[in-house]
Amino acid sequence: MKKFEVGKRYGMNSPCDQDCWWYYTVINRTKSTVTLKSDRGEIKKCRIMRDSEKIYGCEACRPTGTYSMCPTLTAEKKCHRMQSPCTTYSASQNQKRVEKEKLL
């Protein structure tokens, strides 16, 4: 079974928008938890799902919480990209992006 490795970067995409990705780097792990740092600098401690091997064939966790249509971070989705293509922006960044698109 693939496991989360400290120092490695993993990505998950939204089940509602396949172009929206979140990226996390594993900064620490125990047998049952992983500590993740997002590209935005947020640090989260997540419990590794107990039945993840049956469902995904590898370790998995849900850094955004457990709810309907929540994305799942799996140990199989290692990332080598430095840029995040996710379209999640702050309000000011979103306004600048919209203005830029109007000019094009």
Protein backbone atom coordinates (compact mmCIF):
# COMPACT_ATOMS: atom_id res chain seq x y z
CA MET A 1 0.00 0.00 0.00
CA LYS A 2 1.26 3.46 -0.87
CA LYS A 3 1.74 5.74 2.12
CA PHE A 4 2.14 9.49 2.54
CA GLU A 5 5.82 10.45 2.69
CA VAL A 6 7.24 13.42 4.61
CA GLY A 7 8.47 16.15 2.27
CA LYS A 8 6.44 14.94 -0.72
CA ARG A 9 3.77 17.06 -2.42
CA TYR A 10 0.30 15.67 -3.19
CA GLY A 11 -2.70 17.07 -5.01
CA MET A 12 -6.45 16.56 -5.03
CA ASN A 13 -9.05 17.94 -7.35
CA SER A 14 -12.62 19.02 -6.81
CA PRO A 15 -15.26 16.45 -7.73
CA CYS A 16 -17.38 19.34 -9.03
CA ASP A 17 -14.67 21.09 -11.09
CA GLN A 18 -11.88 18.91 -12.48
CA ASP A 19 -9.78 22.03 -13.21
CA CYS A 20 -9.66 23.07 -9.54
CA TRP A 21 -6.77 21.49 -7.62
CA TRP A 22 -5.45 21.83 -4.07
CA TYR A 23 -1.83 20.98 -3.29
CA TYR A 24 -0.39 19.91 0.06
CA THR A 25 3.08 19.00 1.28
CA VAL A 26 3.40 16.44 4.08
CA ILE A 27 5.45 18.02 6.86
CA ASN A 28 4.96 15.32 9.51
CA ARG A 29 3.21 12.01 9.94
CA THR A 30 2.37 9.41 12.53
CA LYS A 31 0.80 6.00 12.12
CA SER A 32 -2.71 7.49 12.01
CA THR A 33 -2.30 11.19 11.08
CA VAL A 34 -0.55 13.44 8.59
CA THR A 35 0.30 17.11 9.04
CA LEU A 36 -0.10 19.00 5.79
CA LYS A 37 0.99 22.43 4.60
CA SER A 38 -1.06 23.91 1.76
CA ASP A 39 0.33 26.12 -0.99
CA ARG A 40 -1.30 29.03 0.86
CA GLY A 41 0.74 28.27 3.98
CA GLU A 42 -2.12 26.80 6.03
CA ILE A 43 -1.14 23.87 8.24
CA LYS A 44 -3.69 21.12 8.91
CA LYS A 45 -3.51 17.87 10.81
CA CYS A 46 -5.65 15.15 9.25
CA ARG A 47 -6.53 11.65 10.29
CA ILE A 48 -5.70 8.98 7.73
CA MET A 49 -8.89 7.19 6.73
CA ARG A 50 -9.01 3.66 8.19
CA ASP A 51 -10.74 2.10 5.19
CA SER A 52 -8.69 3.99 2.57
CA GLU A 53 -6.85 0.85 1.44
CA LYS A 54 -10.13 -0.84 0.53
CA ILE A 55 -11.54 2.25 -1.22
CA TYR A 56 -8.47 3.86 -2.85
CA GLY A 57 -5.76 1.21 -2.59
CA CYS A 58 -3.52 3.66 -0.68
CA GLU A 59 -3.56 6.03 2.28
CA ALA A 60 -6.06 8.88 2.03
CA CYS A 61 -7.35 11.82 4.08
CA ARG A 62 -9.78 14.72 3.72
CA PRO A 63 -8.04 18.03 4.56
CA THR A 64 -11.10 20.17 3.80
CA GLY A 65 -13.36 18.11 6.06
CA THR A 66 -15.89 15.35 5.51
CA TYR A 67 -19.06 16.42 3.70
CA SER A 68 -21.01 15.56 0.58
CA MET A 69 -18.77 15.76 -2.53
CA CYS A 70 -15.64 16.53 -0.46
CA PRO A 71 -12.28 16.06 -2.21
CA THR A 72 -9.96 13.32 -0.96
CA LEU A 73 -6.17 13.55 -0.85
CA THR A 74 -4.58 10.20 -1.72
CA ALA A 75 -0.98 9.00 -1.54
CA GLU A 76 -1.17 8.07 -5.23
CA LYS A 77 -1.44 11.66 -6.48
CA LYS A 78 2.12 12.90 -6.01
CA CYS A 79 2.73 16.25 -7.67
CA HIS A 80 5.81 17.57 -9.33
CA ARG A 81 4.35 20.91 -10.44
CA MET A 82 5.27 24.10 -8.67
CA GLN A 83 2.26 26.13 -9.82
CA SER A 84 -1.24 25.39 -8.64
CA PRO A 85 -3.84 25.64 -11.43
CA CYS A 86 -6.69 25.93 -8.96
CA THR A 87 -8.92 28.94 -9.49
CA THR A 88 -9.36 29.74 -5.81
CA TYR A 89 -8.48 33.40 -5.36
CA SER A 90 -8.85 35.94 -2.59
CA ALA A 91 -11.48 38.63 -3.23
CA SER A 92 -8.88 41.21 -4.33
CA GLN A 93 -7.09 38.69 -6.58
CA ASN A 94 -10.41 37.66 -8.10
CA GLN A 95 -11.34 41.29 -8.85
CA LYS A 96 -7.97 41.88 -10.56
CA ARG A 97 -8.40 38.69 -12.58
CA VAL A 98 -11.89 39.66 -13.72
CA GLU A 99 -10.68 43.15 -14.74
CA LYS A 100 -7.78 41.62 -16.66
CA GLU A 101 -10.11 39.25 -18.50
CA LYS A 102 -12.39 42.16 -19.47
CA LEU A 103 -9.42 43.89 -21.11
CA LEU A 104 -8.67 40.81 -23.21
